[in-house]
Amino acid sequence: MDRLTSMAVFVKAVDLGSFAAAADALALSGPMVGKHVRFLEERLGVRLITRTTRRQSLTDFGRAYYDRCRVVLAEADAADALAADQLSEPRGTLRVTMPVHFGRHCVMPVLLQLAQHYPALELDLSLNDRFVDLAENDYDLAIRTGDLEDKGGVIARRIARQRMVVCASPSYLDAHGRPQRIEDLGRHDGIIYRRSGRVRPWLFPRNDQPAMEVTPAHRLRLDDLDAIADAATLGMGLAWLPYWLVHERIQAGALVQLLPDQPGFLYDVYALWLQTPHLPLKVRVAVDALAAALLNFMA
């Protein structure tokens, strides 16, 4: 007899509570169900189920073996589904939650390109800076930036690293001079990002030490990165922003990147999904596409 088939019959008999019910569900005869269970017992040399004329019950070993059989069968199903995925294409609805700015500028273009390539794939996208629970809100993927909470049952894969740069307009630099070192930033006006009432310091990496934190003097505090870039372009002060957000303005001469010899702080970006025996093809394809596209885009 095939051991995997016998395991499946054994699990069904336990789940349904009787050999007769398992026989009906599996289109087998009652004696054949018993034969599969006896095959396992003889192979293991241990009784799995104690049967009387009125009821059946698992032995202590039978309970432990049942739990392991369920894991084995789930993995076998996942392996079969993985093979089937290789012969198909992503389909169904992909639900993704992402930060507003990073989502609009970086994530959405990749996912929209996927949807164009795979006509059976539907997108349900939420651009929101709130942290949402994947399970409670039924999302397939969440995109997160910065440090992550250590949360059980959630898988995280880094898909990008945002390089932060200090920049200012030529008009501001003409009027106030150009900072040459990190220590010079304290003598300049900064345009500061604030979210949830908290002012975020500017971070600069140091070898084998925690990042240096700098909070310039500021009279402008905003919770919108695009608005900070706009204010910096108008000459209102220095800004500390992701390079992907300002690189076009820098190339056009509207902003100047400062402290070019100073390594930029890197904010990691992750894709998160719930742990599952078989990762759906639509999720795997989306995560792979984001990692491949954003690795070069962030440079």
Protein backbone atom coordinates (compact mmCIF):
# COMPACT_ATOMS: atom_id res chain seq x y z
CA MET A 1 0.00 0.00 0.00
CA ASP A 2 1.01 3.59 -0.54
CA ARG A 3 1.97 5.12 2.82
CA LEU A 4 0.83 8.65 1.92
CA THR A 5 -2.60 7.35 0.83
CA SER A 6 -2.92 5.36 4.05
CA MET A 7 -2.05 8.48 6.06
CA ALA A 8 -4.78 10.42 4.24
CA VAL A 9 -7.34 7.67 4.99
CA PHE A 10 -6.27 7.56 8.64
CA VAL A 11 -6.60 11.35 9.01
CA LYS A 12 -10.04 11.31 7.36
CA ALA A 13 -11.22 8.54 9.69
CA VAL A 14 -10.09 10.57 12.70
CA ASP A 15 -11.61 13.81 11.40
CA LEU A 16 -15.00 12.21 10.67
CA GLY A 17 -15.06 9.99 13.73
CA SER A 18 -15.62 6.61 12.11
CA PHE A 19 -14.36 4.24 9.45
CA ALA A 20 -17.80 4.20 7.84
CA ALA A 21 -17.92 8.00 7.46
CA ALA A 22 -14.39 8.03 6.02
CA ALA A 23 -15.36 5.27 3.58
CA ASP A 24 -18.32 7.32 2.33
CA ALA A 25 -16.22 10.47 1.99
CA LEU A 26 -13.42 8.71 0.13
CA ALA A 27 -15.61 6.37 -1.95
CA LEU A 28 -13.99 3.31 -0.34
CA SER A 29 -15.42 0.28 1.38
CA GLY A 30 -15.39 0.11 5.17
CA PRO A 31 -13.00 -2.87 5.19
CA MET A 32 -10.60 -0.98 2.90
CA VAL A 33 -10.44 1.93 5.36
CA GLY A 34 -9.61 -0.54 8.11
CA LYS A 35 -6.98 -2.11 5.89
CA HIS A 36 -5.21 1.24 5.43
CA VAL A 37 -5.15 1.89 9.17
CA ARG A 38 -3.88 -1.62 9.93
CA PHE A 39 -1.16 -1.17 7.31
CA LEU A 40 0.11 1.87 9.21
CA GLU A 41 -0.14 0.13 12.58
CA GLU A 42 1.76 -2.92 11.34
CA ARG A 43 4.40 -0.76 9.72
CA LEU A 44 4.86 1.28 12.91
CA GLY A 45 4.40 -1.58 15.33
CA VAL A 46 2.08 0.59 17.44
CA ARG A 47 -1.72 0.77 17.73
CA LEU A 48 -3.18 4.05 16.48
CA ILE A 49 -6.89 3.65 17.10
CA THR A 50 -8.78 1.71 19.76
CA ARG A 51 -12.16 0.52 18.43
CA THR A 52 -15.20 -0.88 20.22
CA THR A 53 -18.61 -1.76 18.84
CA ARG A 54 -19.85 1.74 19.70
CA ARG A 55 -16.92 4.12 19.30
CA GLN A 56 -13.32 4.62 18.27
CA SER A 57 -10.66 6.64 20.05
CA LEU A 58 -7.06 7.55 19.35
CA THR A 59 -4.28 6.15 21.47
CA ASP A 60 -1.77 8.63 22.89
CA PHE A 61 0.65 7.72 20.12
CA GLY A 62 -2.20 7.83 17.60
CA ARG A 63 -2.93 11.45 18.55
CA ALA A 64 0.72 12.48 18.06
CA TYR A 65 0.94 10.53 14.79
CA TYR A 66 -2.30 12.13 13.55
CA ASP A 67 -0.85 15.61 14.13
CA ARG A 68 2.30 14.76 12.18
CA CYS A 69 0.30 13.15 9.36
CA ARG A 70 -1.66 16.38 8.91
CA VAL A 71 1.60 18.32 8.53
CA VAL A 72 2.97 15.78 6.03
CA LEU A 73 -0.21 15.81 3.95
CA ALA A 74 -0.32 19.63 3.95
CA GLU A 75 3.27 19.77 2.72
CA ALA A 76 2.49 17.21 0.01
CA ASP A 77 -0.48 19.29 -1.14
CA ALA A 78 1.71 22.40 -1.14
CA ALA A 79 4.30 20.62 -3.27
CA ASP A 80 1.63 19.59 -5.77
CA ALA A 81 0.25 23.14 -5.85
CA LEU A 82 3.74 24.51 -6.43
CA ALA A 83 4.14 22.25 -9.46
CA ALA A 84 0.75 23.36 -10.74
CA ASP A 85 1.77 27.00 -10.31
CA GLN A 86 4.69 26.52 -12.67
CA LEU A 87 2.23 25.65 -15.42
CA SER A 88 -0.16 28.52 -14.76
CA GLU A 89 -0.09 32.28 -14.25
CA PRO A 90 -1.08 34.59 -11.36
CA ARG A 91 -4.83 35.00 -11.06
CA GLY A 92 -7.41 36.25 -8.61
CA THR A 93 -7.34 39.38 -6.44
CA LEU A 94 -4.07 40.58 -4.94
CA ARG A 95 -4.75 42.85 -1.95
CA VAL A 96 -1.82 45.08 -0.96
CA THR A 97 -1.48 47.83 1.65
CA MET A 98 1.44 50.27 1.33
CA PRO A 99 2.68 53.68 2.55
CA VAL A 100 1.23 56.57 0.56
CA HIS A 101 4.33 58.09 -1.04
CA PHE A 102 6.47 55.01 -1.46
CA GLY A 103 3.44 53.14 -2.69
CA ARG A 104 2.43 55.71 -5.28
CA HIS A 105 5.93 56.38 -6.64
CA CYS A 106 7.59 52.96 -6.31
CA VAL A 107 5.21 50.06 -5.65
CA MET A 108 2.20 50.90 -7.81
CA PRO A 109 4.10 51.16 -11.13
CA VAL A 110 5.47 47.63 -10.62
CA LEU A 111 2.11 46.14 -9.68
CA LEU A 112 0.30 47.88 -12.52
CA GLN A 113 2.84 46.47 -14.94
CA LEU A 114 2.15 43.01 -13.51
CA ALA A 115 -1.59 43.48 -14.01
CA GLN A 116 -0.98 44.48 -17.63
CA HIS A 117 1.12 41.36 -18.16
CA TYR A 118 -1.31 38.95 -16.42
CA PRO A 119 -4.93 39.62 -17.47
CA ALA A 120 -6.32 37.19 -14.85
CA LEU A 121 -4.72 39.17 -11.99
CA GLU A 122 -6.86 41.75 -10.17
CA LEU A 123 -5.44 44.43 -7.86
CA ASP A 124 -6.98 45.85 -4.69
CA LEU A 125 -4.50 48.47 -3.43
CA SER A 126 -4.63 50.61 -0.30
CA LEU A 127 -2.31 53.61 0.05
CA ASN A 128 -2.29 54.38 3.75
CA ASP A 129 0.42 55.16 6.30
CA ARG A 130 -1.41 53.30 9.08
CA PHE A 131 -0.06 49.91 10.18
CA VAL A 132 -2.78 47.37 9.46
CA ASP A 133 -3.09 43.78 10.61
CA LEU A 134 -2.72 41.43 7.66
CA ALA A 135 -5.04 38.78 9.08
CA GLU A 136 -7.77 41.08 10.35
CA ASN A 137 -7.90 43.13 7.17
CA ASP A 138 -7.48 40.21 4.76
CA TYR A 139 -4.48 41.63 2.89
CA ASP A 140 -2.16 39.38 0.91
CA LEU A 141 0.81 41.75 1.22
CA ALA A 142 1.88 44.72 3.30
CA ILE A 143 4.75 47.03 2.33
CA ARG A 144 6.62 48.49 5.32
CA THR A 145 9.59 50.84 5.69
CA GLY A 146 12.00 51.09 8.60
CA ASP A 147 12.26 48.74 11.57
CA LEU A 148 9.80 45.87 11.90
CA GLU A 149 8.09 44.41 14.93
CA ASP A 150 8.99 40.80 15.70
CA LYS A 151 5.59 39.26 15.07
CA GLY A 152 4.92 35.53 14.90
CA GLY A 153 3.25 34.07 11.85
CA VAL A 154 4.44 36.86 9.53
CA ILE A 155 7.15 36.46 6.88
CA ALA A 156 9.21 39.50 5.81
CA ARG A 157 11.46 39.92 2.77
CA ARG A 158 13.50 43.03 2.11
CA ILE A 159 12.65 44.36 -1.33
CA ALA A 160 14.52 47.69 -1.35
CA ARG A 161 16.70 50.12 0.58
CA GLN A 162 15.84 53.84 0.51
CA ARG A 163 18.96 56.02 0.46
CA MET A 164 18.38 59.30 2.27
CA VAL A 165 20.08 62.51 1.07
CA VAL A 166 20.31 66.10 2.26
CA CYS A 167 19.38 68.63 -0.41
CA ALA A 168 18.56 72.30 -0.89
CA SER A 169 17.77 74.71 -3.69
CA PRO A 170 20.49 76.79 -5.37
CA SER A 171 18.75 79.95 -4.13
CA TYR A 172 18.94 78.83 -0.51
CA LEU A 173 22.62 77.93 -0.84
CA ASP A 174 23.39 81.29 -2.45
CA ALA A 175 21.76 83.07 0.47
CA HIS A 176 22.97 80.88 3.39
CA GLY A 177 26.07 79.05 2.20
CA ARG A 178 26.66 75.37 1.65
CA PRO A 179 27.19 72.96 4.60
CA GLN A 180 30.39 70.96 4.23
CA ARG A 181 30.05 68.61 7.22
CA ILE A 182 27.26 67.06 9.25
CA GLU A 183 28.15 69.40 12.10
CA ASP A 184 27.32 72.38 9.83
CA LEU A 185 23.66 71.34 9.54
CA GLY A 186 22.82 72.82 12.94
CA ARG A 187 23.51 76.30 11.57
CA HIS A 188 20.91 75.96 8.80
CA ASP A 189 17.12 75.95 8.56
CA GLY A 190 15.64 72.51 8.10
CA ILE A 191 12.29 71.38 6.74
CA ILE A 192 11.29 68.54 9.05
CA TYR A 193 9.08 65.50 8.58
CA ARG A 194 6.63 64.99 11.41
CA ARG A 195 4.17 62.11 11.70
CA SER A 196 1.81 61.33 14.57
CA GLY A 197 3.06 64.41 16.40
CA ARG A 198 6.67 63.17 16.46
CA VAL A 199 9.55 65.07 14.84
CA ARG A 200 11.84 62.62 13.04
CA PRO A 201 15.60 63.33 13.34
CA TRP A 202 17.92 63.05 10.37
CA LEU A 203 20.14 59.98 10.57
CA PHE A 204 23.71 59.53 9.35
CA PRO A 205 25.52 56.16 9.49
CA ARG A 206 28.77 55.72 11.43
CA ASN A 207 31.09 52.74 11.35
CA ASP A 208 30.20 50.18 14.04
CA GLN A 209 28.19 52.77 15.96
CA PRO A 210 24.55 53.82 16.13
CA ALA A 211 23.55 56.36 13.51
CA MET A 212 24.19 60.01 14.34
CA GLU A 213 20.94 61.91 14.94
CA VAL A 214 20.63 65.53 13.81
CA THR A 215 17.60 67.77 14.15
CA PRO A 216 18.27 71.16 12.51
CA ALA A 217 16.51 74.32 13.63
CA HIS A 218 13.15 74.38 11.88
CA ARG A 219 10.01 76.41 11.50
CA LEU A 220 8.47 74.18 8.85
CA ARG A 221 7.14 70.77 9.93
CA LEU A 222 5.17 68.67 7.46
CA ASP A 223 3.83 65.11 7.29
CA ASP A 224 4.00 64.92 3.48
CA LEU A 225 7.28 64.12 1.72
CA ASP A 226 6.25 65.70 -1.58
CA ALA A 227 5.38 68.92 0.26
CA ILE A 228 8.82 68.93 1.92
CA ALA A 229 10.45 68.57 -1.51
CA ASP A 230 8.30 71.45 -2.81
CA ALA A 231 9.28 73.68 0.12
CA ALA A 232 12.97 72.88 -0.35
CA THR A 233 12.72 73.70 -4.06
CA LEU A 234 11.27 77.10 -3.12
CA GLY A 235 14.38 77.83 -0.99
CA MET A 236 12.78 77.40 2.45
CA GLY A 237 15.62 75.31 3.89
CA LEU A 238 17.47 72.00 3.82
CA ALA A 239 15.56 68.76 3.41
CA TRP A 240 16.44 65.12 4.21
CA LEU A 241 14.55 62.97 1.75
CA PRO A 242 14.70 59.63 -0.10
CA TYR A 243 16.84 59.91 -3.22
CA TRP A 244 14.13 58.32 -5.37
CA LEU A 245 11.80 61.20 -4.48
CA VAL A 246 14.17 64.03 -5.43
CA HIS A 247 16.54 62.58 -8.04
CA GLU A 248 14.64 64.19 -10.95
CA ARG A 249 14.79 67.61 -9.26
CA ILE A 250 18.50 67.11 -8.59
CA GLN A 251 19.15 66.16 -12.22
CA ALA A 252 17.16 69.19 -13.37
CA GLY A 253 19.11 71.53 -11.09
CA ALA A 254 16.09 72.51 -8.96
CA LEU A 255 17.75 70.90 -5.93
CA VAL A 256 21.39 70.26 -5.06
CA GLN A 257 22.51 67.13 -3.22
CA LEU A 258 24.69 68.08 -0.24
CA LEU A 259 27.39 66.22 1.70
CA PRO A 260 28.24 63.96 -1.26
CA ASP A 261 31.08 62.25 0.64
CA GLN A 262 28.77 61.28 3.50
CA PRO A 263 27.13 57.82 3.06
CA GLY A 264 23.37 58.11 3.02
CA PHE A 265 21.30 56.42 5.69
CA LEU A 266 19.45 53.38 4.31
CA TYR A 267 15.83 52.76 5.26
CA ASP A 268 14.93 49.14 4.55
CA VAL A 269 11.66 48.36 2.78
CA TYR A 270 9.96 45.02 3.35
CA ALA A 271 7.14 42.98 1.88
CA LEU A 272 5.23 41.13 4.58
CA TRP A 273 2.78 38.24 4.26
CA LEU A 274 1.19 35.69 6.57
CA GLN A 275 3.05 32.41 6.97
CA THR A 276 1.36 29.67 4.99
CA PRO A 277 2.29 26.14 3.84
CA HIS A 278 1.92 27.26 0.22
CA LEU A 279 2.59 30.82 -0.87
CA PRO A 280 0.06 31.72 -3.59
CA LEU A 281 1.60 32.31 -6.99
CA LYS A 282 0.14 35.84 -7.19
CA VAL A 283 1.99 36.81 -3.97
CA ARG A 284 5.27 35.20 -4.94
CA VAL A 285 5.28 36.81 -8.39
CA ALA A 286 4.47 40.24 -6.91
CA VAL A 287 7.24 40.06 -4.28
CA ASP A 288 9.82 38.86 -6.83
CA ALA A 289 8.84 41.64 -9.24
CA LEU A 290 9.08 44.33 -6.55
CA ALA A 291 12.49 43.12 -5.38
CA ALA A 292 13.86 42.97 -8.93
CA ALA A 293 12.51 46.37 -9.98
CA LEU A 294 13.23 48.38 -6.83
CA LEU A 295 16.79 47.16 -6.37
CA ASN A 296 17.88 49.24 -9.36
CA PHE A 297 15.34 52.03 -8.85
CA MET A 298 16.69 52.83 -5.37
CA ALA A 299 20.32 53.12 -6.52
